[in-house]
Amino acid sequence: MTGWRIGYAGGPTQLIGAMRKVQSQSTSNPSSISQWAAVEALNG
């Protein structure tokens, strides 16, 4: 799924919050469609 462009991470809440702040002022959310495809990739 290289072209779908979905990466993720788990980590301490404070760090994740800081990363959210960076992303909210750069790209904001990844593609909604790609996110739903990733749900199926991980759960399916």
PDB file of all heavy atoms in Angstrom:
ATOM      1  N   MET A   1       0.831  -1.207   0.000  1.00  0.00           N
ATOM      2  CA  MET A   1       0.000   0.000   0.000  1.00  0.00           C
ATOM      3  C   MET A   1       0.871   1.265   0.000  1.00  0.00           C
ATOM      4  O   MET A   1       0.539   2.256   0.641  1.00  0.00           O
ATOM      5  CB  MET A   1      -0.928  -0.004   1.221  1.00  0.00           C
ATOM      6  CG  MET A   1      -1.973  -1.103   1.210  1.00  0.00           C
ATOM      7  SD  MET A   1      -2.966  -1.146   2.727  1.00  0.00           S
ATOM      8  CE  MET A   1      -3.894   0.388   2.600  1.00  0.00           C
ATOM      9  N   THR A   2       1.984   1.235  -0.735  1.00  0.00           N
ATOM     10  CA  THR A   2       2.906   2.375  -0.708  1.00  0.00           C
ATOM     11  C   THR A   2       2.220   3.677  -1.118  1.00  0.00           C
ATOM     12  O   THR A   2       2.429   4.723  -0.499  1.00  0.00           O
ATOM     13  CB  THR A   2       4.116   2.108  -1.619  1.00  0.00           C
ATOM     14  OG1 THR A   2       3.648   1.684  -2.911  1.00  0.00           O
ATOM     15  CG2 THR A   2       5.008   1.024  -1.035  1.00  0.00           C
ATOM     16  N   GLY A   3       1.395   3.630  -2.141  1.00  0.00           N
ATOM     17  CA  GLY A   3       0.756   4.846  -2.628  1.00  0.00           C
ATOM     18  C   GLY A   3      -0.411   5.337  -1.784  1.00  0.00           C
ATOM     19  O   GLY A   3      -0.865   6.469  -1.954  1.00  0.00           O
ATOM     20  N   TRP A   4      -0.878   4.518  -0.863  1.00  0.00           N
ATOM     21  CA  TRP A   4      -1.993   4.915   0.000  1.00  0.00           C
ATOM     22  C   TRP A   4      -1.532   5.888   1.080  1.00  0.00           C
ATOM     23  O   TRP A   4      -2.341   6.633   1.627  1.00  0.00           O
ATOM     24  CB  TRP A   4      -2.633   3.687   0.653  1.00  0.00           C
ATOM     25  CG  TRP A   4      -3.225   2.707  -0.303  1.00  0.00           C
ATOM     26  CD1 TRP A   4      -2.558   1.785  -1.067  1.00  0.00           C
ATOM     27  CD2 TRP A   4      -4.611   2.536  -0.610  1.00  0.00           C
ATOM     28  NE1 TRP A   4      -3.433   1.048  -1.820  1.00  0.00           N
ATOM     29  CE2 TRP A   4      -4.715   1.484  -1.554  1.00  0.00           C
ATOM     30  CE3 TRP A   4      -5.783   3.147  -0.164  1.00  0.00           C
ATOM     31  CZ2 TRP A   4      -5.925   1.055  -2.067  1.00  0.00           C
ATOM     32  CZ3 TRP A   4      -6.991   2.700  -0.671  1.00  0.00           C
ATOM     33  CH2 TRP A   4      -7.060   1.674  -1.612  1.00  0.00           C
ATOM     34  N   ARG A   5      -0.259   5.849   1.425  1.00  0.00           N
ATOM     35  CA  ARG A   5       0.381   6.786   2.345  1.00  0.00           C
ATOM     36  C   ARG A   5      -0.240   6.784   3.732  1.00  0.00           C
ATOM     37  O   ARG A   5      -0.821   7.772   4.179  1.00  0.00           O
ATOM     38  CB  ARG A   5       0.385   8.217   1.773  1.00  0.00           C
ATOM     39  CG  ARG A   5       0.946   8.376   0.371  1.00  0.00           C
ATOM     40  CD  ARG A   5       2.333   7.783   0.211  1.00  0.00           C
ATOM     41  NE  ARG A   5       3.322   8.432   1.081  1.00  0.00           N
ATOM     42  CZ  ARG A   5       4.240   7.759   1.773  1.00  0.00           C
ATOM     43  NH1 ARG A   5       4.277   6.441   1.744  1.00  0.00           N
ATOM     44  NH2 ARG A   5       5.107   8.414   2.523  1.00  0.00           N
ATOM     45  N   ILE A   6      -0.089   5.667   4.442  1.00  0.00           N
ATOM     46  CA  ILE A   6      -0.524   5.587   5.836  1.00  0.00           C
ATOM     47  C   ILE A   6       0.606   4.987   6.677  1.00  0.00           C
ATOM     48  O   ILE A   6       1.009   3.833   6.476  1.00  0.00           O
ATOM     49  CB  ILE A   6      -1.800   4.733   6.006  1.00  0.00           C
ATOM     50  CG1 ILE A   6      -2.995   5.395   5.316  1.00  0.00           C
ATOM     51  CG2 ILE A   6      -2.087   4.516   7.497  1.00  0.00           C
ATOM     52  CD1 ILE A   6      -3.482   6.680   5.971  1.00  0.00           C
ATOM     53  N   GLY A   7       1.108   5.800   7.606  1.00  0.00           N
ATOM     54  CA  GLY A   7       2.034   5.325   8.624  1.00  0.00           C
ATOM     55  C   GLY A   7       1.435   5.605   9.982  1.00  0.00           C
ATOM     56  O   GLY A   7       0.491   6.393  10.107  1.00  0.00           O
ATOM     57  N   TYR A   8       1.974   4.968  11.001  1.00  0.00           N
ATOM     58  CA  TYR A   8       1.423   5.187  12.341  1.00  0.00           C
ATOM     59  C   TYR A   8       2.488   4.910  13.384  1.00  0.00           C
ATOM     60  O   TYR A   8       3.554   4.343  13.101  1.00  0.00           O
ATOM     61  CB  TYR A   8       0.192   4.306  12.580  1.00  0.00           C
ATOM     62  CG  TYR A   8       0.424   2.814  12.438  1.00  0.00           C
ATOM     63  CD1 TYR A   8       0.949   2.060  13.482  1.00  0.00           C
ATOM     64  CD2 TYR A   8       0.092   2.144  11.253  1.00  0.00           C
ATOM     65  CE1 TYR A   8       1.156   0.697  13.361  1.00  0.00           C
ATOM     66  CE2 TYR A   8       0.290   0.785  11.119  1.00  0.00           C
ATOM     67  CZ  TYR A   8       0.817   0.061  12.182  1.00  0.00           C
ATOM     68  OH  TYR A   8       1.018  -1.279  12.053  1.00  0.00           O
ATOM     69  N   ALA A   9       2.191   5.318  14.615  1.00  0.00           N
ATOM     70  CA  ALA A   9       3.117   5.083  15.718  1.00  0.00           C
ATOM     71  C   ALA A   9       2.362   5.016  17.028  1.00  0.00           C
ATOM     72  O   ALA A   9       1.276   5.590  17.180  1.00  0.00           O
ATOM     73  CB  ALA A   9       4.163   6.186  15.784  1.00  0.00           C
ATOM     74  N   GLY A  10       2.968   4.315  17.984  1.00  0.00           N
ATOM     75  CA  GLY A  10       2.507   4.310  19.358  1.00  0.00           C
ATOM     76  C   GLY A  10       3.598   4.864  20.242  1.00  0.00           C
ATOM     77  O   GLY A  10       4.785   4.567  20.038  1.00  0.00           O
ATOM     78  N   GLY A  11       3.216   5.681  21.227  1.00  0.00           N
ATOM     79  CA  GLY A  11       4.221   6.268  22.100  1.00  0.00           C
ATOM     80  C   GLY A  11       3.597   7.005  23.261  1.00  0.00           C
ATOM     81  O   GLY A  11       2.362   7.003  23.430  1.00  0.00           O
ATOM     82  N   PRO A  12       4.415   7.658  24.077  1.00  0.00           N
ATOM     83  CA  PRO A  12       3.904   8.407  25.227  1.00  0.00           C
ATOM     84  C   PRO A  12       2.918   9.494  24.813  1.00  0.00           C
ATOM     85  O   PRO A  12       3.096  10.141  23.773  1.00  0.00           O
ATOM     86  CB  PRO A  12       5.170   9.012  25.840  1.00  0.00           C
ATOM     87  CG  PRO A  12       6.286   8.125  25.377  1.00  0.00           C
ATOM     88  CD  PRO A  12       5.884   7.672  24.009  1.00  0.00           C
ATOM     89  N   THR A  13       1.899   9.699  25.624  1.00  0.00           N
ATOM     90  CA  THR A  13       0.823  10.632  25.279  1.00  0.00           C
ATOM     91  C   THR A  13       1.334  12.036  25.004  1.00  0.00           C
ATOM     92  O   THR A  13       0.881  12.702  24.061  1.00  0.00           O
ATOM     93  CB  THR A  13      -0.218  10.669  26.420  1.00  0.00           C
ATOM     94  OG1 THR A  13      -0.664   9.334  26.682  1.00  0.00           O
ATOM     95  CG2 THR A  13      -1.411  11.518  26.042  1.00  0.00           C
ATOM     96  N   GLN A  14       2.293  12.505  25.799  1.00  0.00           N
ATOM     97  CA  GLN A  14       2.809  13.864  25.606  1.00  0.00           C
ATOM     98  C   GLN A  14       3.490  14.012  24.252  1.00  0.00           C
ATOM     99  O   GLN A  14       3.312  15.008  23.554  1.00  0.00           O
ATOM    100  CB  GLN A  14       3.773  14.238  26.729  1.00  0.00           C
ATOM    101  CG  GLN A  14       4.262  15.684  26.660  1.00  0.00           C
ATOM    102  CD  GLN A  14       5.201  16.043  27.801  1.00  0.00           C
ATOM    103  OE1 GLN A  14       5.656  15.184  28.549  1.00  0.00           O
ATOM    104  NE2 GLN A  14       5.485  17.327  27.946  1.00  0.00           N
ATOM    105  N   LEU A  15       4.275  13.012  23.871  1.00  0.00           N
ATOM    106  CA  LEU A  15       4.944  13.048  22.571  1.00  0.00           C
ATOM    107  C   LEU A  15       3.923  12.988  21.437  1.00  0.00           C
ATOM    108  O   LEU A  15       4.012  13.752  20.468  1.00  0.00           O
ATOM    109  CB  LEU A  15       5.929  11.882  22.451  1.00  0.00           C
ATOM    110  CG  LEU A  15       6.569  11.669  21.074  1.00  0.00           C
ATOM    111  CD1 LEU A  15       7.366  12.893  20.635  1.00  0.00           C
ATOM    112  CD2 LEU A  15       7.458  10.425  21.082  1.00  0.00           C
ATOM    113  N   ILE A  16       2.952  12.103  21.553  1.00  0.00           N
ATOM    114  CA  ILE A  16       1.920  11.972  20.519  1.00  0.00           C
ATOM    115  C   ILE A  16       1.159  13.289  20.366  1.00  0.00           C
ATOM    116  O   ILE A  16       0.843  13.733  19.253  1.00  0.00           O
ATOM    117  CB  ILE A  16       0.967  10.812  20.852  1.00  0.00           C
ATOM    118  CG1 ILE A  16       1.717   9.467  20.809  1.00  0.00           C
ATOM    119  CG2 ILE A  16      -0.227  10.798  19.892  1.00  0.00           C
ATOM    120  CD1 ILE A  16       2.309   9.095  19.470  1.00  0.00           C
ATOM    121  N   GLY A  17       0.872  13.947  21.474  1.00  0.00           N
ATOM    122  CA  GLY A  17       0.199  15.244  21.414  1.00  0.00           C
ATOM    123  C   GLY A  17       1.026  16.291  20.712  1.00  0.00           C
ATOM    124  O   GLY A  17       0.501  17.108  19.938  1.00  0.00           O
ATOM    125  N   ALA A  18       2.336  16.288  20.960  1.00  0.00           N
ATOM    126  CA  ALA A  18       3.225  17.238  20.293  1.00  0.00           C
ATOM    127  C   ALA A  18       3.293  16.961  18.797  1.00  0.00           C
ATOM    128  O   ALA A  18       3.300  17.890  17.967  1.00  0.00           O
ATOM    129  CB  ALA A  18       4.616  17.164  20.907  1.00  0.00           C
ATOM    130  N   MET A  19       3.311  15.689  18.427  1.00  0.00           N
ATOM    131  CA  MET A  19       3.316  15.321  17.006  1.00  0.00           C
ATOM    132  C   MET A  19       2.002  15.732  16.343  1.00  0.00           C
ATOM    133  O   MET A  19       1.990  16.175  15.189  1.00  0.00           O
ATOM    134  CB  MET A  19       3.551  13.818  16.862  1.00  0.00           C
ATOM    135  CG  MET A  19       4.939  13.369  17.275  1.00  0.00           C
ATOM    136  SD  MET A  19       5.103  11.575  17.480  1.00  0.00           S
ATOM    137  CE  MET A  19       4.663  10.982  15.853  1.00  0.00           C
ATOM    138  N   ARG A  20       0.900  15.606  17.075  1.00  0.00           N
ATOM    139  CA  ARG A  20      -0.403  16.028  16.539  1.00  0.00           C
ATOM    140  C   ARG A  20      -0.390  17.531  16.243  1.00  0.00           C
ATOM    141  O   ARG A  20      -0.918  17.976  15.224  1.00  0.00           O
ATOM    142  CB  ARG A  20      -1.502  15.703  17.543  1.00  0.00           C
ATOM    143  CG  ARG A  20      -2.924  16.059  17.056  1.00  0.00           C
ATOM    144  CD  ARG A  20      -3.967  15.842  18.142  1.00  0.00           C
ATOM    145  NE  ARG A  20      -3.862  14.504  18.712  1.00  0.00           N
ATOM    146  CZ  ARG A  20      -3.573  14.252  19.981  1.00  0.00           C
ATOM    147  NH1 ARG A  20      -3.344  15.250  20.827  1.00  0.00           N
ATOM    148  NH2 ARG A  20      -3.501  13.011  20.424  1.00  0.00           N
ATOM    149  N   LYS A  21       0.235  18.302  17.116  1.00  0.00           N
ATOM    150  CA  LYS A  21       0.302  19.751  16.918  1.00  0.00           C
ATOM    151  C   LYS A  21       1.072  20.088  15.639  1.00  0.00           C
ATOM    152  O   LYS A  21       0.650  20.935  14.844  1.00  0.00           O
ATOM    153  CB  LYS A  21       0.965  20.421  18.123  1.00  0.00           C
ATOM    154  CG  LYS A  21       1.009  21.935  18.036  1.00  0.00           C
ATOM    155  CD  LYS A  21       1.740  22.557  19.221  1.00  0.00           C
ATOM    156  CE  LYS A  21       0.971  22.406  20.509  1.00  0.00           C
ATOM    157  NZ  LYS A  21       1.623  23.167  21.625  1.00  0.00           N
ATOM    158  N   VAL A  22       2.198  19.400  15.431  1.00  0.00           N
ATOM    159  CA  VAL A  22       2.985  19.614  14.204  1.00  0.00           C
ATOM    160  C   VAL A  22       2.152  19.275  12.976  1.00  0.00           C
ATOM    161  O   VAL A  22       2.077  20.044  12.008  1.00  0.00           O
ATOM    162  CB  VAL A  22       4.284  18.772  14.223  1.00  0.00           C
ATOM    163  CG1 VAL A  22       4.988  18.852  12.871  1.00  0.00           C
ATOM    164  CG2 VAL A  22       5.209  19.236  15.332  1.00  0.00           C
ATOM    165  N   GLN A  23       1.488  18.121  13.015  1.00  0.00           N
ATOM    166  CA  GLN A  23       0.721  17.673  11.846  1.00  0.00           C
ATOM    167  C   GLN A  23      -0.489  18.563  11.583  1.00  0.00           C
ATOM    168  O   GLN A  23      -0.841  18.806  10.424  1.00  0.00           O
ATOM    169  CB  GLN A  23       0.287  16.216  12.045  1.00  0.00           C
ATOM    170  CG  GLN A  23      -0.377  15.604  10.812  1.00  0.00           C
ATOM    171  CD  GLN A  23      -0.334  14.088  10.852  1.00  0.00           C
ATOM    172  OE1 GLN A  23       0.695  13.482  11.139  1.00  0.00           O
ATOM    173  NE2 GLN A  23      -1.460  13.467  10.564  1.00  0.00           N
ATOM    174  N   SER A  24      -1.096  19.071  12.659  1.00  0.00           N
ATOM    175  CA  SER A  24      -2.286  19.914  12.476  1.00  0.00           C
ATOM    176  C   SER A  24      -1.963  21.211  11.762  1.00  0.00           C
ATOM    177  O   SER A  24      -2.840  21.820  11.134  1.00  0.00           O
ATOM    178  CB  SER A  24      -2.929  20.213  13.835  1.00  0.00           C
ATOM    179  OG  SER A  24      -2.120  21.109  14.601  1.00  0.00           O
ATOM    180  N   GLN A  25      -0.698  21.637  11.822  1.00  0.00           N
ATOM    181  CA  GLN A  25      -0.307  22.878  11.160  1.00  0.00           C
ATOM    182  C   GLN A  25       0.500  22.634   9.889  1.00  0.00           C
ATOM    183  O   GLN A  25       1.036  23.577   9.308  1.00  0.00           O
ATOM    184  CB  GLN A  25       0.508  23.751  12.130  1.00  0.00           C
ATOM    185  CG  GLN A  25      -0.261  24.190  13.369  1.00  0.00           C
ATOM    186  CD  GLN A  25      -1.472  25.055  13.056  1.00  0.00           C
ATOM    187  OE1 GLN A  25      -1.665  25.497  11.932  1.00  0.00           O
ATOM    188  NE2 GLN A  25      -2.312  25.290  14.063  1.00  0.00           N
ATOM    189  N   SER A  26       0.587  21.384   9.463  1.00  0.00           N
ATOM    190  CA  SER A  26       1.276  21.087   8.195  1.00  0.00           C
ATOM    191  C   SER A  26       0.296  20.444   7.219  1.00  0.00           C
ATOM    192  O   SER A  26      -0.347  21.134   6.427  1.00  0.00           O
ATOM    193  CB  SER A  26       2.508  20.211   8.430  1.00  0.00           C
ATOM    194  OG  SER A  26       2.170  19.022   9.113  1.00  0.00           O
ATOM    195  N   THR A  27       0.105  19.146   7.306  1.00  0.00           N
ATOM    196  CA  THR A  27      -0.784  18.466   6.351  1.00  0.00           C
ATOM    197  C   THR A  27      -2.192  18.266   6.873  1.00  0.00           C
ATOM    198  O   THR A  27      -3.102  18.008   6.104  1.00  0.00           O
ATOM    199  CB  THR A  27      -0.227  17.083   5.997  1.00  0.00           C
ATOM    200  OG1 THR A  27      -0.186  16.279   7.186  1.00  0.00           O
ATOM    201  CG2 THR A  27       1.163  17.191   5.398  1.00  0.00           C
ATOM    202  N   SER A  28      -2.380  18.300   8.199  1.00  0.00           N
ATOM    203  CA  SER A  28      -3.615  17.847   8.837  1.00  0.00           C
ATOM    204  C   SER A  28      -3.808  16.363   8.528  1.00  0.00           C
ATOM    205  O   SER A  28      -2.833  15.632   8.430  1.00  0.00           O
ATOM    206  CB  SER A  28      -4.810  18.696   8.420  1.00  0.00           C
ATOM    207  OG  SER A  28      -5.896  18.491   9.305  1.00  0.00           O
ATOM    208  N   ASN A  29      -5.040  15.910   8.362  1.00  0.00           N
ATOM    209  CA  ASN A  29      -5.277  14.460   8.344  1.00  0.00           C
ATOM    210  C   ASN A  29      -4.781  13.769   7.080  1.00  0.00           C
ATOM    211  O   ASN A  29      -4.778  14.357   5.986  1.00  0.00           O
ATOM    212  CB  ASN A  29      -6.769  14.158   8.526  1.00  0.00           C
ATOM    213  CG  ASN A  29      -7.611  14.594   7.333  1.00  0.00           C
ATOM    214  OD1 ASN A  29      -8.006  15.750   7.259  1.00  0.00           O
ATOM    215  ND2 ASN A  29      -7.909  13.675   6.417  1.00  0.00           N
ATOM    216  N   PRO A  30      -4.362  12.490   7.211  1.00  0.00           N
ATOM    217  CA  PRO A  30      -4.113  11.671   6.016  1.00  0.00           C
ATOM    218  C   PRO A  30      -5.434  11.452   5.284  1.00  0.00           C
ATOM    219  O   PRO A  30      -6.519  11.673   5.831  1.00  0.00           O
ATOM    220  CB  PRO A  30      -3.574  10.358   6.583  1.00  0.00           C
ATOM    221  CG  PRO A  30      -3.268  10.620   8.015  1.00  0.00           C
ATOM    222  CD  PRO A  30      -4.148  11.740   8.449  1.00  0.00           C
ATOM    223  N   SER A  31      -5.363  10.983   4.053  1.00  0.00           N
ATOM    224  CA  SER A  31      -6.549  10.696   3.255  1.00  0.00           C
ATOM    225  C   SER A  31      -7.551   9.844   4.036  1.00  0.00           C
ATOM    226  O   SER A  31      -7.199   8.791   4.575  1.00  0.00           O
ATOM    227  CB  SER A  31      -6.149   9.963   1.974  1.00  0.00           C
ATOM    228  OG  SER A  31      -7.253   9.287   1.407  1.00  0.00           O
ATOM    229  N   SER A  32      -8.789  10.309   4.079  1.00  0.00           N
ATOM    230  CA  SER A  32      -9.823   9.554   4.795  1.00  0.00           C
ATOM    231  C   SER A  32     -10.022   8.172   4.180  1.00  0.00           C
ATOM    232  O   SER A  32     -10.201   7.174   4.895  1.00  0.00           O
ATOM    233  CB  SER A  32     -11.141  10.332   4.799  1.00  0.00           C
ATOM    234  OG  SER A  32     -11.605  10.548   3.472  1.00  0.00           O
ATOM    235  N   ILE A  33      -9.991   8.087   2.864  1.00  0.00           N
ATOM    236  CA  ILE A  33     -10.193   6.803   2.183  1.00  0.00           C
ATOM    237  C   ILE A  33      -9.052   5.840   2.520  1.00  0.00           C
ATOM    238  O   ILE A  33      -9.274   4.650   2.790  1.00  0.00           O
ATOM    239  CB  ILE A  33     -10.280   7.006   0.655  1.00  0.00           C
ATOM    240  CG1 ILE A  33     -11.394   8.002   0.306  1.00  0.00           C
ATOM    241  CG2 ILE A  33     -10.509   5.673  -0.042  1.00  0.00           C
ATOM    242  CD1 ILE A  33     -12.741   7.672   0.910  1.00  0.00           C
ATOM    243  N   SER A  34      -7.829   6.344   2.510  1.00  0.00           N
ATOM    244  CA  SER A  34      -6.683   5.506   2.856  1.00  0.00           C
ATOM    245  C   SER A  34      -6.779   5.004   4.290  1.00  0.00           C
ATOM    246  O   SER A  34      -6.383   3.873   4.596  1.00  0.00           O
ATOM    247  CB  SER A  34      -5.383   6.294   2.666  1.00  0.00           C
ATOM    248  OG  SER A  34      -5.173   6.611   1.304  1.00  0.00           O
ATOM    249  N   GLN A  35      -7.301   5.843   5.187  1.00  0.00           N
ATOM    250  CA  GLN A  35      -7.443   5.415   6.574  1.00  0.00           C
ATOM    251  C   GLN A  35      -8.406   4.236   6.693  1.00  0.00           C
ATOM    252  O   GLN A  35      -8.129   3.265   7.413  1.00  0.00           O
ATOM    253  CB  GLN A  35      -7.919   6.579   7.435  1.00  0.00           C
ATOM    254  CG  GLN A  35      -6.865   7.670   7.638  1.00  0.00           C
ATOM    255  CD  GLN A  35      -7.334   8.694   8.652  1.00  0.00           C
ATOM    256  OE1 GLN A  35      -7.536   8.375   9.822  1.00  0.00           O
ATOM    257  NE2 GLN A  35      -7.523   9.933   8.206  1.00  0.00           N
ATOM    258  N   TRP A  36      -9.529   4.303   5.988  1.00  0.00           N
ATOM    259  CA  TRP A  36     -10.476   3.189   6.052  1.00  0.00           C
ATOM    260  C   TRP A  36      -9.902   1.927   5.417  1.00  0.00           C
ATOM    261  O   TRP A  36     -10.166   0.809   5.873  1.00  0.00           O
ATOM    262  CB  TRP A  36     -11.805   3.590   5.402  1.00  0.00           C
ATOM    263  CG  TRP A  36     -12.609   4.489   6.286  1.00  0.00           C
ATOM    264  CD1 TRP A  36     -12.814   5.835   6.151  1.00  0.00           C
ATOM    265  CD2 TRP A  36     -13.290   4.104   7.485  1.00  0.00           C
ATOM    266  NE1 TRP A  36     -13.576   6.313   7.185  1.00  0.00           N
ATOM    267  CE2 TRP A  36     -13.895   5.276   8.022  1.00  0.00           C
ATOM    268  CE3 TRP A  36     -13.463   2.903   8.167  1.00  0.00           C
ATOM    269  CZ2 TRP A  36     -14.638   5.273   9.200  1.00  0.00           C
ATOM    270  CZ3 TRP A  36     -14.207   2.888   9.329  1.00  0.00           C
ATOM    271  CH2 TRP A  36     -14.783   4.064   9.840  1.00  0.00           C
ATOM    272  N   ALA A  37      -9.104   2.095   4.373  1.00  0.00           N
ATOM    273  CA  ALA A  37      -8.427   0.935   3.786  1.00  0.00           C
ATOM    274  C   ALA A  37      -7.455   0.329   4.796  1.00  0.00           C
ATOM    275  O   ALA A  37      -7.335  -0.908   4.898  1.00  0.00           O
ATOM    276  CB  ALA A  37      -7.694   1.353   2.516  1.00  0.00           C
ATOM    277  N   ALA A  38      -6.766   1.181   5.560  1.00  0.00           N
ATOM    278  CA  ALA A  38      -5.809   0.696   6.554  1.00  0.00           C
ATOM    279  C   ALA A  38      -6.502  -0.036   7.695  1.00  0.00           C
ATOM    280  O   ALA A  38      -5.952  -0.994   8.263  1.00  0.00           O
ATOM    281  CB  ALA A  38      -4.977   1.852   7.092  1.00  0.00           C
ATOM    282  N   VAL A  39      -7.716   0.395   8.049  1.00  0.00           N
ATOM    283  CA  VAL A  39      -8.495  -0.333   9.061  1.00  0.00           C
ATOM    284  C   VAL A  39      -8.682  -1.783   8.623  1.00  0.00           C
ATOM    285  O   VAL A  39      -8.472  -2.733   9.390  1.00  0.00           O
ATOM    286  CB  VAL A  39      -9.869   0.339   9.301  1.00  0.00           C
ATOM    287  CG1 VAL A  39     -10.755  -0.546  10.168  1.00  0.00           C
ATOM    288  CG2 VAL A  39      -9.699   1.704   9.943  1.00  0.00           C
ATOM    289  N   GLU A  40      -9.062  -1.964   7.369  1.00  0.00           N
ATOM    290  CA  GLU A  40      -9.269  -3.317   6.847  1.00  0.00           C
ATOM    291  C   GLU A  40      -7.944  -4.076   6.759  1.00  0.00           C
ATOM    292  O   GLU A  40      -7.900  -5.286   7.036  1.00  0.00           O
ATOM    293  CB  GLU A  40      -9.936  -3.258   5.470  1.00  0.00           C
ATOM    294  CG  GLU A  40     -10.117  -4.611   4.794  1.00  0.00           C
ATOM    295  CD  GLU A  40     -11.002  -5.581   5.570  1.00  0.00           C
ATOM    296  OE1 GLU A  40     -11.828  -5.131   6.388  1.00  0.00           O
ATOM    297  OE2 GLU A  40     -10.859  -6.805   5.352  1.00  0.00           O
ATOM    298  N   ALA A  41      -6.869  -3.378   6.374  1.00  0.00           N
ATOM    299  CA  ALA A  41      -5.561  -4.041   6.288  1.00  0.00           C
ATOM    300  C   ALA A  41      -5.171  -4.638   7.641  1.00  0.00           C
ATOM    301  O   ALA A  41      -4.729  -5.792   7.723  1.00  0.00           O
ATOM    302  CB  ALA A  41      -4.499  -3.055   5.821  1.00  0.00           C
ATOM    303  N   LEU A  42      -5.352  -3.874   8.709  1.00  0.00           N
ATOM    304  CA  LEU A  42      -4.921  -4.332  10.028  1.00  0.00           C
ATOM    305  C   LEU A  42      -5.905  -5.304  10.661  1.00  0.00           C
ATOM    306  O   LEU A  42      -5.492  -6.234  11.371  1.00  0.00           O
ATOM    307  CB  LEU A  42      -4.707  -3.123  10.947  1.00  0.00           C
ATOM    308  CG  LEU A  42      -3.589  -2.164  10.537  1.00  0.00           C
ATOM    309  CD1 LEU A  42      -3.513  -0.992  11.502  1.00  0.00           C
ATOM    310  CD2 LEU A  42      -2.246  -2.878  10.466  1.00  0.00           C
ATOM    311  N   ASN A  43      -7.199  -5.092  10.430  1.00  0.00           N
ATOM    312  CA  ASN A  43      -8.219  -5.949  11.057  1.00  0.00           C
ATOM    313  C   ASN A  43      -8.584  -7.166  10.226  1.00  0.00           C
ATOM    314  O   ASN A  43      -9.101  -8.152  10.744  1.00  0.00           O
ATOM    315  CB  ASN A  43      -9.501  -5.149  11.310  1.00  0.00           C
ATOM    316  CG  ASN A  43      -9.366  -4.173  12.471  1.00  0.00           C
ATOM    317  OD1 ASN A  43      -8.438  -4.260  13.262  1.00  0.00           O
ATOM    318  ND2 ASN A  43     -10.301  -3.238  12.564  1.00  0.00           N
ATOM    319  N   GLY A  44      -8.347  -7.101   8.918  1.00  0.00           N
ATOM    320  CA  GLY A  44      -8.808  -8.143   8.009  1.00  0.00           C
ATOM    321  C   GLY A  44      -7.867  -9.330   7.922  1.00  0.00           C
ATOM    322  O   GLY A  44      -6.952  -9.484   8.739  1.00  0.00           O
TER     323      GLY A  44
END
